[in-house]
Amino acid sequence: MSEAQEQRDFVKWFRDTYPEHAHCLRVSLGGLNFGSGAKAARMAAWVKSQGITAGESDIVIALKRGEFGSLVIEHKAADSTHKLSDEQITYLDLHNKSGNCAVMTRGIEPLKGAVIAYINQESRA
């Protein structure tokens, strides 16, 4: 299964499992493929102007839990051989230093597991 399909399945699972937190789910537009040509270049420039940054993680659960402000996830497909880029490592490190819980997952079950573990933490308001 591709990373995109795993992410689609995850989004559906998250919304079904945690409807009370569905508004907390954010996904990056950084992985969009605009094709090629002038229109694609304009679309890529527009997305960057909206705040996309190099290395931006795929998924954010903007929900305070425990000592963390949010859960930031860089996700890779189970059958993928892709590794974290230097920009992705930097992005995760910056979020961990900023008081978020930033992790990398590989495969949809570890992704769900990370979210379940995070949400089940007690929130310190």
PDB file of N, CA and C in Angstrom:
ATOM      1  N   MET A   1       0.842  -1.169   0.000  1.00  0.00           N
ATOM      2  CA  MET A   1       0.000   0.000   0.000  1.00  0.00           C
ATOM      3  C   MET A   1       0.896   1.244   0.000  1.00  0.00           C
ATOM      4  N   SER A   2       0.534   2.245  -0.773  1.00  0.00           N
ATOM      5  CA  SER A   2       1.342   3.461  -0.870  1.00  0.00           C
ATOM      6  C   SER A   2       1.180   4.325   0.384  1.00  0.00           C
ATOM      7  N   GLU A   3       2.101   5.248   0.550  1.00  0.00           N
ATOM      8  CA  GLU A   3       2.020   6.179   1.673  1.00  0.00           C
ATOM      9  C   GLU A   3       0.730   7.002   1.591  1.00  0.00           C
ATOM     10  N   ALA A   4       0.372   7.424   0.391  1.00  0.00           N
ATOM     11  CA  ALA A   4      -0.857   8.206   0.221  1.00  0.00           C
ATOM     12  C   ALA A   4      -2.085   7.395   0.626  1.00  0.00           C
ATOM     13  N   GLN A   5      -2.134   6.121   0.243  1.00  0.00           N
ATOM     14  CA  GLN A   5      -3.275   5.281   0.611  1.00  0.00           C
ATOM     15  C   GLN A   5      -3.307   5.040   2.118  1.00  0.00           C
ATOM     16  N   GLU A   6      -2.143   4.789   2.711  1.00  0.00           N
ATOM     17  CA  GLU A   6      -2.090   4.613   4.163  1.00  0.00           C
ATOM     18  C   GLU A   6      -2.585   5.874   4.867  1.00  0.00           C
ATOM     19  N   GLN A   7      -2.181   7.044   4.365  1.00  0.00           N
ATOM     20  CA  GLN A   7      -2.614   8.287   4.991  1.00  0.00           C
ATOM     21  C   GLN A   7      -4.121   8.478   4.837  1.00  0.00           C
ATOM     22  N   ARG A   8      -4.679   8.164   3.665  1.00  0.00           N
ATOM     23  CA  ARG A   8      -6.140   8.252   3.473  1.00  0.00           C
ATOM     24  C   ARG A   8      -6.866   7.329   4.439  1.00  0.00           C
ATOM     25  N   ASP A   9      -6.373   6.100   4.569  1.00  0.00           N
ATOM     26  CA  ASP A   9      -6.986   5.138   5.489  1.00  0.00           C
ATOM     27  C   ASP A   9      -6.866   5.625   6.938  1.00  0.00           C
ATOM     28  N   PHE A  10      -5.720   6.206   7.270  1.00  0.00           N
ATOM     29  CA  PHE A  10      -5.522   6.739   8.621  1.00  0.00           C
ATOM     30  C   PHE A  10      -6.509   7.867   8.916  1.00  0.00           C
ATOM     31  N   VAL A  11      -6.663   8.799   7.977  1.00  0.00           N
ATOM     32  CA  VAL A  11      -7.572   9.929   8.193  1.00  0.00           C
ATOM     33  C   VAL A  11      -8.985   9.425   8.451  1.00  0.00           C
ATOM     34  N   LYS A  12      -9.439   8.465   7.664  1.00  0.00           N
ATOM     35  CA  LYS A  12     -10.774   7.897   7.878  1.00  0.00           C
ATOM     36  C   LYS A  12     -10.852   7.233   9.243  1.00  0.00           C
ATOM     37  N   TRP A  13      -9.860   6.417   9.597  1.00  0.00           N
ATOM     38  CA  TRP A  13      -9.828   5.748  10.903  1.00  0.00           C
ATOM     39  C   TRP A  13      -9.854   6.771  12.030  1.00  0.00           C
ATOM     40  N   PHE A  14      -9.022   7.826  11.929  1.00  0.00           N
ATOM     41  CA  PHE A  14      -8.947   8.832  12.984  1.00  0.00           C
ATOM     42  C   PHE A  14     -10.301   9.511  13.173  1.00  0.00           C
ATOM     43  N   ARG A  15     -10.920   9.926  12.079  1.00  0.00           N
ATOM     44  CA  ARG A  15     -12.213  10.606  12.179  1.00  0.00           C
ATOM     45  C   ARG A  15     -13.298   9.686  12.733  1.00  0.00           C
ATOM     46  N   ASP A  16     -13.241   8.406  12.376  1.00  0.00           N
ATOM     47  CA  ASP A  16     -14.221   7.438  12.896  1.00  0.00           C
ATOM     48  C   ASP A  16     -13.960   7.108  14.364  1.00  0.00           C
ATOM     49  N   THR A  17     -12.689   6.995  14.745  1.00  0.00           N
ATOM     50  CA  THR A  17     -12.312   6.578  16.094  1.00  0.00           C
ATOM     51  C   THR A  17     -12.391   7.726  17.094  1.00  0.00           C
ATOM     52  N   TYR A  18     -12.021   8.912  16.661  1.00  0.00           N
ATOM     53  CA  TYR A  18     -11.973  10.078  17.547  1.00  0.00           C
ATOM     54  C   TYR A  18     -12.776  11.244  16.967  1.00  0.00           C
ATOM     55  N   PRO A  19     -14.079  11.075  16.757  1.00  0.00           N
ATOM     56  CA  PRO A  19     -14.856  12.174  16.154  1.00  0.00           C
ATOM     57  C   PRO A  19     -14.794  13.463  16.976  1.00  0.00           C
ATOM     58  N   GLU A  20     -14.624  13.322  18.286  1.00  0.00           N
ATOM     59  CA  GLU A  20     -14.543  14.501  19.147  1.00  0.00           C
ATOM     60  C   GLU A  20     -13.241  15.284  18.940  1.00  0.00           C
ATOM     61  N   HIS A  21     -12.264  14.665  18.292  1.00  0.00           N
ATOM     62  CA  HIS A  21     -10.983  15.321  18.017  1.00  0.00           C
ATOM     63  C   HIS A  21     -10.731  15.507  16.520  1.00  0.00           C
ATOM     64  N   ALA A  22     -11.731  15.252  15.688  1.00  0.00           N
ATOM     65  CA  ALA A  22     -11.544  15.343  14.239  1.00  0.00           C
ATOM     66  C   ALA A  22     -11.047  16.727  13.818  1.00  0.00           C
ATOM     67  N   HIS A  23     -11.473  17.761  14.530  1.00  0.00           N
ATOM     68  CA  HIS A  23     -11.050  19.126  14.203  1.00  0.00           C
ATOM     69  C   HIS A  23      -9.580  19.374  14.538  1.00  0.00           C
ATOM     70  N   CYS A  24      -8.953  18.479  15.278  1.00  0.00           N
ATOM     71  CA  CYS A  24      -7.542  18.626  15.671  1.00  0.00           C
ATOM     72  C   CYS A  24      -6.578  18.039  14.644  1.00  0.00           C
ATOM     73  N   LEU A  25      -7.097  17.312  13.666  1.00  0.00           N
ATOM     74  CA  LEU A  25      -6.254  16.650  12.665  1.00  0.00           C
ATOM     75  C   LEU A  25      -5.860  17.628  11.564  1.00  0.00           C
ATOM     76  N   ARG A  26      -4.572  17.722  11.318  1.00  0.00           N
ATOM     77  CA  ARG A  26      -4.045  18.541  10.236  1.00  0.00           C
ATOM     78  C   ARG A  26      -3.090  17.692   9.409  1.00  0.00           C
ATOM     79  N   VAL A  27      -3.165  17.844   8.083  1.00  0.00           N
ATOM     80  CA  VAL A  27      -2.243  17.129   7.204  1.00  0.00           C
ATOM     81  C   VAL A  27      -1.527  18.127   6.305  1.00  0.00           C
ATOM     82  N   SER A  28      -0.305  17.805   5.953  1.00  0.00           N
ATOM     83  CA  SER A  28       0.522  18.684   5.137  1.00  0.00           C
ATOM     84  C   SER A  28       0.125  18.603   3.671  1.00  0.00           C
ATOM     85  N   LEU A  29       0.228  19.732   3.010  1.00  0.00           N
ATOM     86  CA  LEU A  29       0.035  19.774   1.556  1.00  0.00           C
ATOM     87  C   LEU A  29       1.370  19.689   0.825  1.00  0.00           C
ATOM     88  N   GLY A  30       2.435  19.506   1.599  1.00  0.00           N
ATOM     89  CA  GLY A  30       3.771  19.495   1.021  1.00  0.00           C
ATOM     90  C   GLY A  30       4.023  18.387   0.023  1.00  0.00           C
ATOM     91  N   GLY A  31       3.311  17.289   0.119  1.00  0.00           N
ATOM     92  CA  GLY A  31       3.547  16.169  -0.773  1.00  0.00           C
ATOM     93  C   GLY A  31       2.730  16.181  -2.050  1.00  0.00           C
ATOM     94  N   LEU A  32       1.978  17.243  -2.271  1.00  0.00           N
ATOM     95  CA  LEU A  32       1.159  17.303  -3.478  1.00  0.00           C
ATOM     96  C   LEU A  32       2.022  17.348  -4.729  1.00  0.00           C
ATOM     97  N   ASN A  33       1.587  16.639  -5.749  1.00  0.00           N
ATOM     98  CA  ASN A  33       2.283  16.639  -7.027  1.00  0.00           C
ATOM     99  C   ASN A  33       1.475  17.496  -7.993  1.00  0.00           C
ATOM    100  N   PHE A  34       2.023  18.646  -8.362  1.00  0.00           N
ATOM    101  CA  PHE A  34       1.326  19.563  -9.254  1.00  0.00           C
ATOM    102  C   PHE A  34       1.668  19.324 -10.714  1.00  0.00           C
ATOM    103  N   GLY A  35       2.438  18.281 -10.989  1.00  0.00           N
ATOM    104  CA  GLY A  35       2.815  18.010 -12.370  1.00  0.00           C
ATOM    105  C   GLY A  35       3.968  18.899 -12.791  1.00  0.00           C
ATOM    106  N   SER A  36       3.903  19.375 -14.039  1.00  0.00           N
ATOM    107  CA  SER A  36       4.976  20.226 -14.552  1.00  0.00           C
ATOM    108  C   SER A  36       4.369  21.382 -15.335  1.00  0.00           C
ATOM    109  N   GLY A  37       5.205  22.306 -15.709  1.00  0.00           N
ATOM    110  CA  GLY A  37       4.748  23.447 -16.487  1.00  0.00           C
ATOM    111  C   GLY A  37       4.486  24.677 -15.644  1.00  0.00           C
ATOM    112  N   ALA A  38       4.044  25.723 -16.320  1.00  0.00           N
ATOM    113  CA  ALA A  38       3.850  27.024 -15.674  1.00  0.00           C
ATOM    114  C   ALA A  38       2.770  26.971 -14.596  1.00  0.00           C
ATOM    115  N   LYS A  39       1.668  26.295 -14.862  1.00  0.00           N
ATOM    116  CA  LYS A  39       0.594  26.217 -13.865  1.00  0.00           C
ATOM    117  C   LYS A  39       1.083  25.491 -12.614  1.00  0.00           C
ATOM    118  N   ALA A  40       1.834  24.410 -12.793  1.00  0.00           N
ATOM    119  CA  ALA A  40       2.376  23.664 -11.658  1.00  0.00           C
ATOM    120  C   ALA A  40       3.319  24.548 -10.846  1.00  0.00           C
ATOM    121  N   ALA A  41       4.138  25.338 -11.511  1.00  0.00           N
ATOM    122  CA  ALA A  41       5.063  26.231 -10.822  1.00  0.00           C
ATOM    123  C   ALA A  41       4.302  27.277 -10.009  1.00  0.00           C
ATOM    124  N   ARG A  42       3.204  27.803 -10.590  1.00  0.00           N
ATOM    125  CA  ARG A  42       2.381  28.772  -9.852  1.00  0.00           C
ATOM    126  C   ARG A  42       1.740  28.128  -8.629  1.00  0.00           C
ATOM    127  N   MET A  43       1.250  26.906  -8.769  1.00  0.00           N
ATOM    128  CA  MET A  43       0.614  26.208  -7.647  1.00  0.00           C
ATOM    129  C   MET A  43       1.638  25.923  -6.547  1.00  0.00           C
ATOM    130  N   ALA A  44       2.824  25.475  -6.924  1.00  0.00           N
ATOM    131  CA  ALA A  44       3.873  25.201  -5.933  1.00  0.00           C
ATOM    132  C   ALA A  44       4.261  26.486  -5.206  1.00  0.00           C
ATOM    133  N   ALA A  45       4.381  27.584  -5.935  1.00  0.00           N
ATOM    134  CA  ALA A  45       4.710  28.868  -5.310  1.00  0.00           C
ATOM    135  C   ALA A  45       3.595  29.303  -4.370  1.00  0.00           C
ATOM    136  N   TRP A  46       2.359  29.094  -4.760  1.00  0.00           N
ATOM    137  CA  TRP A  46       1.220  29.469  -3.921  1.00  0.00           C
ATOM    138  C   TRP A  46       1.230  28.682  -2.613  1.00  0.00           C
ATOM    139  N   VAL A  47       1.454  27.360  -2.700  1.00  0.00           N
ATOM    140  CA  VAL A  47       1.485  26.533  -1.494  1.00  0.00           C
ATOM    141  C   VAL A  47       2.617  27.004  -0.573  1.00  0.00           C
ATOM    142  N   LYS A  48       3.764  27.290  -1.120  1.00  0.00           N
ATOM    143  CA  LYS A  48       4.883  27.783  -0.303  1.00  0.00           C
ATOM    144  C   LYS A  48       4.523  29.113   0.356  1.00  0.00           C
ATOM    145  N   SER A  49       3.820  29.970  -0.371  1.00  0.00           N
ATOM    146  CA  SER A  49       3.436  31.263   0.205  1.00  0.00           C
ATOM    147  C   SER A  49       2.436  31.098   1.347  1.00  0.00           C
ATOM    148  N   GLN A  50       1.774  29.954   1.397  1.00  0.00           N
ATOM    149  CA  GLN A  50       0.801  29.679   2.453  1.00  0.00           C
ATOM    150  C   GLN A  50       1.447  29.076   3.699  1.00  0.00           C
ATOM    151  N   GLY A  51       2.764  28.854   3.659  1.00  0.00           N
ATOM    152  CA  GLY A  51       3.481  28.443   4.861  1.00  0.00           C
ATOM    153  C   GLY A  51       4.109  27.068   4.836  1.00  0.00           C
ATOM    154  N   ILE A  52       4.008  26.327   3.745  1.00  0.00           N
ATOM    155  CA  ILE A  52       4.665  25.024   3.660  1.00  0.00           C
ATOM    156  C   ILE A  52       6.170  25.231   3.777  1.00  0.00           C
ATOM    157  N   THR A  53       6.822  24.384   4.558  1.00  0.00           N
ATOM    158  CA  THR A  53       8.271  24.486   4.710  1.00  0.00           C
ATOM    159  C   THR A  53       8.924  23.159   4.358  1.00  0.00           C
ATOM    160  N   ALA A  54      10.185  23.210   4.019  1.00  0.00           N
ATOM    161  CA  ALA A  54      10.929  21.999   3.687  1.00  0.00           C
ATOM    162  C   ALA A  54      10.959  21.070   4.893  1.00  0.00           C
ATOM    163  N   GLY A  55      10.665  19.812   4.673  1.00  0.00           N
ATOM    164  CA  GLY A  55      10.716  18.818   5.731  1.00  0.00           C
ATOM    165  C   GLY A  55       9.459  18.727   6.567  1.00  0.00           C
ATOM    166  N   GLU A  56       8.446  19.533   6.250  1.00  0.00           N
ATOM    167  CA  GLU A  56       7.219  19.543   7.043  1.00  0.00           C
ATOM    168  C   GLU A  56       6.643  18.137   7.170  1.00  0.00           C
ATOM    169  N   SER A  57       6.252  17.781   8.373  1.00  0.00           N
ATOM    170  CA  SER A  57       5.723  16.435   8.623  1.00  0.00           C
ATOM    171  C   SER A  57       4.336  16.264   8.023  1.00  0.00           C
ATOM    172  N   ASP A  58       3.965  14.997   7.802  1.00  0.00           N
ATOM    173  CA  ASP A  58       2.720  14.662   7.118  1.00  0.00           C
ATOM    174  C   ASP A  58       1.476  14.940   7.940  1.00  0.00           C
ATOM    175  N   ILE A  59       1.533  14.672   9.236  1.00  0.00           N
ATOM    176  CA  ILE A  59       0.331  14.690  10.072  1.00  0.00           C
ATOM    177  C   ILE A  59       0.620  15.424  11.374  1.00  0.00           C
ATOM    178  N   VAL A  60      -0.334  16.235  11.809  1.00  0.00           N
ATOM    179  CA  VAL A  60      -0.276  16.866  13.123  1.00  0.00           C
ATOM    180  C   VAL A  60      -1.624  16.642  13.801  1.00  0.00           C
ATOM    181  N   ILE A  61      -1.558  16.207  15.045  1.00  0.00           N
ATOM    182  CA  ILE A  61      -2.736  16.145  15.896  1.00  0.00           C
ATOM    183  C   ILE A  61      -2.559  17.307  16.880  1.00  0.00           C
ATOM    184  N   ALA A  62      -3.273  18.392  16.645  1.00  0.00           N
ATOM    185  CA  ALA A  62      -3.138  19.613  17.451  1.00  0.00           C
ATOM    186  C   ALA A  62      -4.006  19.483  18.702  1.00  0.00           C
ATOM    187  N   LEU A  63      -3.503  18.697  19.633  1.00  0.00           N
ATOM    188  CA  LEU A  63      -4.242  18.376  20.844  1.00  0.00           C
ATOM    189  C   LEU A  63      -3.244  18.220  21.979  1.00  0.00           C
ATOM    190  N   LYS A  64      -3.374  19.026  23.016  1.00  0.00           N
ATOM    191  CA  LYS A  64      -2.464  18.951  24.163  1.00  0.00           C
ATOM    192  C   LYS A  64      -2.698  17.651  24.908  1.00  0.00           C
ATOM    193  N   ARG A  65      -1.610  16.967  25.191  1.00  0.00           N
ATOM    194  CA  ARG A  65      -1.658  15.736  25.979  1.00  0.00           C
ATOM    195  C   ARG A  65      -0.385  15.655  26.800  1.00  0.00           C
ATOM    196  N   GLY A  66      -0.540  15.319  28.086  1.00  0.00           N
ATOM    197  CA  GLY A  66       0.625  15.218  28.947  1.00  0.00           C
ATOM    198  C   GLY A  66       1.423  16.501  28.914  1.00  0.00           C
ATOM    199  N   GLU A  67       2.718  16.373  28.711  1.00  0.00           N
ATOM    200  CA  GLU A  67       3.596  17.546  28.663  1.00  0.00           C
ATOM    201  C   GLU A  67       3.704  18.135  27.266  1.00  0.00           C
ATOM    202  N   PHE A  68       3.000  17.560  26.297  1.00  0.00           N
ATOM    203  CA  PHE A  68       3.160  17.947  24.890  1.00  0.00           C
ATOM    204  C   PHE A  68       2.012  18.817  24.388  1.00  0.00           C
ATOM    205  N   GLY A  69       2.352  19.735  23.507  1.00  0.00           N
ATOM    206  CA  GLY A  69       1.353  20.607  22.896  1.00  0.00           C
ATOM    207  C   GLY A  69       0.625  19.968  21.735  1.00  0.00           C
ATOM    208  N   SER A  70       1.297  19.073  21.010  1.00  0.00           N
ATOM    209  CA  SER A  70       0.688  18.392  19.871  1.00  0.00           C
ATOM    210  C   SER A  70       1.542  17.186  19.481  1.00  0.00           C
ATOM    211  N   LEU A  71       0.964  16.350  18.639  1.00  0.00           N
ATOM    212  CA  LEU A  71       1.674  15.190  18.086  1.00  0.00           C
ATOM    213  C   LEU A  71       1.981  15.479  16.626  1.00  0.00           C
ATOM    214  N   VAL A  72       3.255  15.383  16.257  1.00  0.00           N
ATOM    215  CA  VAL A  72       3.728  15.652  14.905  1.00  0.00           C
ATOM    216  C   VAL A  72       4.294  14.345  14.358  1.00  0.00           C
ATOM    217  N   ILE A  73       3.782  13.916  13.204  1.00  0.00           N
ATOM    218  CA  ILE A  73       4.177  12.604  12.665  1.00  0.00           C
ATOM    219  C   ILE A  73       4.671  12.714  11.228  1.00  0.00           C
ATOM    220  N   GLU A  74       5.856  12.203  10.997  1.00  0.00           N
ATOM    221  CA  GLU A  74       6.348  11.975   9.642  1.00  0.00           C
ATOM    222  C   GLU A  74       6.089  10.510   9.362  1.00  0.00           C
ATOM    223  N   HIS A  75       5.262  10.233   8.364  1.00  0.00           N
ATOM    224  CA  HIS A  75       4.839   8.855   8.100  1.00  0.00           C
ATOM    225  C   HIS A  75       5.449   8.334   6.809  1.00  0.00           C
ATOM    226  N   LYS A  76       5.871   7.081   6.858  1.00  0.00           N
ATOM    227  CA  LYS A  76       6.364   6.359   5.682  1.00  0.00           C
ATOM    228  C   LYS A  76       5.542   5.080   5.533  1.00  0.00           C
ATOM    229  N   ALA A  77       5.303   4.666   4.313  1.00  0.00           N
ATOM    230  CA  ALA A  77       4.537   3.444   4.059  1.00  0.00           C
ATOM    231  C   ALA A  77       5.296   2.225   4.567  1.00  0.00           C
ATOM    232  N   ALA A  78       4.539   1.196   4.930  1.00  0.00           N
ATOM    233  CA  ALA A  78       5.130  -0.030   5.476  1.00  0.00           C
ATOM    234  C   ALA A  78       6.141  -0.647   4.516  1.00  0.00           C
ATOM    235  N   ASP A  79       5.829  -0.647   3.238  1.00  0.00           N
ATOM    236  CA  ASP A  79       6.703  -1.311   2.266  1.00  0.00           C
ATOM    237  C   ASP A  79       7.674  -0.348   1.585  1.00  0.00           C
ATOM    238  N   SER A  80       7.757   0.870   2.093  1.00  0.00           N
ATOM    239  CA  SER A  80       8.644   1.876   1.516  1.00  0.00           C
ATOM    240  C   SER A  80      10.065   1.707   2.048  1.00  0.00           C
ATOM    241  N   THR A  81      11.017   2.040   1.211  1.00  0.00           N
ATOM    242  CA  THR A  81      12.416   2.042   1.645  1.00  0.00           C
ATOM    243  C   THR A  81      12.906   3.469   1.893  1.00  0.00           C
ATOM    244  N   HIS A  82      11.985   4.440   1.767  1.00  0.00           N
ATOM    245  CA  HIS A  82      12.359   5.842   1.975  1.00  0.00           C
ATOM    246  C   HIS A  82      12.787   6.078   3.418  1.00  0.00           C
ATOM    247  N   LYS A  83      13.817   6.871   3.554  1.00  0.00           N
ATOM    248  CA  LYS A  83      14.322   7.262   4.872  1.00  0.00           C
ATOM    249  C   LYS A  83      14.003   8.733   5.093  1.00  0.00           C
ATOM    250  N   LEU A  84      14.165   9.176   6.326  1.00  0.00           N
ATOM    251  CA  LEU A  84      13.958  10.585   6.618  1.00  0.00           C
ATOM    252  C   LEU A  84      15.024  11.423   5.925  1.00  0.00           C
ATOM    253  N   SER A  85      14.584  12.531   5.326  1.00  0.00           N
ATOM    254  CA  SER A  85      15.544  13.467   4.739  1.00  0.00           C
ATOM    255  C   SER A  85      16.140  14.310   5.871  1.00  0.00           C
ATOM    256  N   ASP A  86      17.220  15.011   5.577  1.00  0.00           N
ATOM    257  CA  ASP A  86      17.826  15.895   6.573  1.00  0.00           C
ATOM    258  C   ASP A  86      16.818  16.955   7.022  1.00  0.00           C
ATOM    259  N   GLU A  87      16.019  17.471   6.071  1.00  0.00           N
ATOM    260  CA  GLU A  87      15.016  18.480   6.408  1.00  0.00           C
ATOM    261  C   GLU A  87      13.945  17.904   7.330  1.00  0.00           C
ATOM    262  N   GLN A  88      13.535  16.657   7.095  1.00  0.00           N
ATOM    263  CA  GLN A  88      12.524  16.018   7.950  1.00  0.00           C
ATOM    264  C   GLN A  88      13.069  15.776   9.360  1.00  0.00           C
ATOM    265  N   ILE A  89      14.315  15.353   9.450  1.00  0.00           N
ATOM    266  CA  ILE A  89      14.947  15.153  10.761  1.00  0.00           C
ATOM    267  C   ILE A  89      14.999  16.480  11.515  1.00  0.00           C
ATOM    268  N   THR A  90      15.406  17.533  10.840  1.00  0.00           N
ATOM    269  CA  THR A  90      15.471  18.856  11.461  1.00  0.00           C
ATOM    270  C   THR A  90      14.092  19.302  11.928  1.00  0.00           C
ATOM    271  N   TYR A  91      13.078  19.098  11.102  1.00  0.00           N
ATOM    272  CA  TYR A  91      11.707  19.498  11.442  1.00  0.00           C
ATOM    273  C   TYR A  91      11.228  18.762  12.694  1.00  0.00           C
ATOM    274  N   LEU A  92      11.445  17.453  12.750  1.00  0.00           N
ATOM    275  CA  LEU A  92      11.043  16.679  13.927  1.00  0.00           C
ATOM    276  C   LEU A  92      11.809  17.138  15.163  1.00  0.00           C
ATOM    277  N   ASP A  93      13.121  17.349  15.027  1.00  0.00           N
ATOM    278  CA  ASP A  93      13.939  17.811  16.157  1.00  0.00           C
ATOM    279  C   ASP A  93      13.437  19.154  16.683  1.00  0.00           C
ATOM    280  N   LEU A  94      13.134  20.079  15.784  1.00  0.00           N
ATOM    281  CA  LEU A  94      12.646  21.399  16.206  1.00  0.00           C
ATOM    282  C   LEU A  94      11.335  21.278  16.976  1.00  0.00           C
ATOM    283  N   HIS A  95      10.450  20.396  16.520  1.00  0.00           N
ATOM    284  CA  HIS A  95       9.180  20.220  17.237  1.00  0.00           C
ATOM    285  C   HIS A  95       9.388  19.560  18.600  1.00  0.00           C
ATOM    286  N   ASN A  96      10.270  18.596  18.677  1.00  0.00           N
ATOM    287  CA  ASN A  96      10.562  17.982  19.974  1.00  0.00           C
ATOM    288  C   ASN A  96      11.149  19.008  20.945  1.00  0.00           C
ATOM    289  N   LYS A  97      11.986  19.896  20.465  1.00  0.00           N
ATOM    290  CA  LYS A  97      12.571  20.937  21.314  1.00  0.00           C
ATOM    291  C   LYS A  97      11.561  22.021  21.671  1.00  0.00           C
ATOM    292  N   SER A  98      10.467  22.118  20.904  1.00  0.00           N
ATOM    293  CA  SER A  98       9.451  23.157  21.120  1.00  0.00           C
ATOM    294  C   SER A  98       8.310  22.704  22.017  1.00  0.00           C
ATOM    295  N   GLY A  99       8.392  21.493  22.558  1.00  0.00           N
ATOM    296  CA  GLY A  99       7.345  21.028  23.457  1.00  0.00           C
ATOM    297  C   GLY A  99       6.281  20.156  22.811  1.00  0.00           C
ATOM    298  N   ASN A 100       6.522  19.731  21.595  1.00  0.00           N
ATOM    299  CA  ASN A 100       5.623  18.792  20.931  1.00  0.00           C
ATOM    300  C   ASN A 100       6.228  17.390  20.988  1.00  0.00           C
ATOM    301  N   CYS A 101       5.435  16.407  20.677  1.00  0.00           N
ATOM    302  CA  CYS A 101       5.904  15.034  20.544  1.00  0.00           C
ATOM    303  C   CYS A 101       6.003  14.756  19.047  1.00  0.00           C
ATOM    304  N   ALA A 102       7.199  14.687  18.514  1.00  0.00           N
ATOM    305  CA  ALA A 102       7.410  14.509  17.079  1.00  0.00           C
ATOM    306  C   ALA A 102       8.065  13.159  16.827  1.00  0.00           C
ATOM    307  N   VAL A 103       7.427  12.345  15.972  1.00  0.00           N
ATOM    308  CA  VAL A 103       7.888  10.981  15.726  1.00  0.00           C
ATOM    309  C   VAL A 103       7.805  10.641  14.244  1.00  0.00           C
ATOM    310  N   MET A 104       8.458   9.545  13.896  1.00  0.00           N
ATOM    311  CA  MET A 104       8.355   8.965  12.564  1.00  0.00           C
ATOM    312  C   MET A 104       7.707   7.604  12.714  1.00  0.00           C
ATOM    313  N   THR A 105       6.761   7.277  11.832  1.00  0.00           N
ATOM    314  CA  THR A 105       6.144   5.953  11.833  1.00  0.00           C
ATOM    315  C   THR A 105       6.313   5.315  10.459  1.00  0.00           C
ATOM    316  N   ARG A 106       6.292   3.989  10.442  1.00  0.00           N
ATOM    317  CA  ARG A 106       6.356   3.248   9.189  1.00  0.00           C
ATOM    318  C   ARG A 106       5.256   2.193   9.229  1.00  0.00           C
ATOM    319  N   GLY A 107       4.263   2.346   8.371  1.00  0.00           N
ATOM    320  CA  GLY A 107       3.125   1.433   8.331  1.00  0.00           C
ATOM    321  C   GLY A 107       1.942   1.981   9.110  1.00  0.00           C
ATOM    322  N   ILE A 108       0.747   1.611   8.679  1.00  0.00           N
ATOM    323  CA  ILE A 108      -0.455   2.203   9.257  1.00  0.00           C
ATOM    324  C   ILE A 108      -0.706   1.754  10.696  1.00  0.00           C
ATOM    325  N   GLU A 109      -0.384   0.521  11.049  1.00  0.00           N
ATOM    326  CA  GLU A 109      -0.622   0.079  12.436  1.00  0.00           C
ATOM    327  C   GLU A 109       0.276   0.814  13.426  1.00  0.00           C
ATOM    328  N   PRO A 110       1.586   0.996  13.142  1.00  0.00           N
ATOM    329  CA  PRO A 110       2.399   1.824  14.038  1.00  0.00           C
ATOM    330  C   PRO A 110       1.912   3.281  14.097  1.00  0.00           C
ATOM    331  N   LEU A 111       1.396   3.791  12.985  1.00  0.00           N
ATOM    332  CA  LEU A 111       0.840   5.140  12.964  1.00  0.00           C
ATOM    333  C   LEU A 111      -0.352   5.235  13.915  1.00  0.00           C
ATOM    334  N   LYS A 112      -1.283   4.301  13.793  1.00  0.00           N
ATOM    335  CA  LYS A 112      -2.441   4.273  14.700  1.00  0.00           C
ATOM    336  C   LYS A 112      -1.979   4.104  16.150  1.00  0.00           C
ATOM    337  N   GLY A 113      -1.019   3.224  16.372  1.00  0.00           N
ATOM    338  CA  GLY A 113      -0.508   2.990  17.727  1.00  0.00           C
ATOM    339  C   GLY A 113       0.077   4.242  18.352  1.00  0.00           C
ATOM    340  N   ALA A 114       0.822   5.018  17.575  1.00  0.00           N
ATOM    341  CA  ALA A 114       1.403   6.260  18.087  1.00  0.00           C
ATOM    342  C   ALA A 114       0.309   7.242  18.475  1.00  0.00           C
ATOM    343  N   VAL A 115      -0.732   7.316  17.674  1.00  0.00           N
ATOM    344  CA  VAL A 115      -1.836   8.234  17.957  1.00  0.00           C
ATOM    345  C   VAL A 115      -2.615   7.780  19.183  1.00  0.00           C
ATOM    346  N   ILE A 116      -2.906   6.482  19.276  1.00  0.00           N
ATOM    347  CA  ILE A 116      -3.629   5.950  20.435  1.00  0.00           C
ATOM    348  C   ILE A 116      -2.849   6.228  21.716  1.00  0.00           C
ATOM    349  N   ALA A 117      -1.550   5.936  21.712  1.00  0.00           N
ATOM    350  CA  ALA A 117      -0.722   6.163  22.898  1.00  0.00           C
ATOM    351  C   ALA A 117      -0.702   7.641  23.266  1.00  0.00           C
ATOM    352  N   TYR A 118      -0.606   8.502  22.270  1.00  0.00           N
ATOM    353  CA  TYR A 118      -0.571   9.937  22.526  1.00  0.00           C
ATOM    354  C   TYR A 118      -1.901  10.424  23.105  1.00  0.00           C
ATOM    355  N   ILE A 119      -3.002  10.056  22.487  1.00  0.00           N
ATOM    356  CA  ILE A 119      -4.314  10.546  22.936  1.00  0.00           C
ATOM    357  C   ILE A 119      -4.666  10.001  24.320  1.00  0.00           C
ATOM    358  N   ASN A 120      -4.209   8.817  24.642  1.00  0.00           N
ATOM    359  CA  ASN A 120      -4.535   8.241  25.947  1.00  0.00           C
ATOM    360  C   ASN A 120      -3.755   8.842  27.117  1.00  0.00           C
ATOM    361  N   GLN A 121      -2.796   9.733  26.828  1.00  0.00           N
ATOM    362  CA  GLN A 121      -2.090  10.440  27.902  1.00  0.00           C
ATOM    363  C   GLN A 121      -3.048  11.402  28.588  1.00  0.00           C
ATOM    364  N   GLU A 122      -2.822  11.645  29.855  1.00  0.00           N
ATOM    365  CA  GLU A 122      -3.608  12.634  30.574  1.00  0.00           C
ATOM    366  C   GLU A 122      -3.165  14.036  30.144  1.00  0.00           C
ATOM    367  N   SER A 123      -4.113  14.892  29.881  1.00  0.00           N
ATOM    368  CA  SER A 123      -3.805  16.261  29.533  1.00  0.00           C
ATOM    369  C   SER A 123      -3.611  17.094  30.792  1.00  0.00           C
ATOM    370  N   ARG A 124      -2.565  17.890  30.775  1.00  0.00           N
ATOM    371  CA  ARG A 124      -2.309  18.816  31.886  1.00  0.00           C
ATOM    372  C   ARG A 124      -2.683  20.217  31.413  1.00  0.00           C
ATOM    373  N   ALA A 125      -3.848  20.651  31.753  1.00  0.00           N
ATOM    374  CA  ALA A 125      -4.355  21.945  31.269  1.00  0.00           C
ATOM    375  C   ALA A 125      -3.571  23.110  31.810  1.00  0.00           C
TER     376      ALA A 125
END
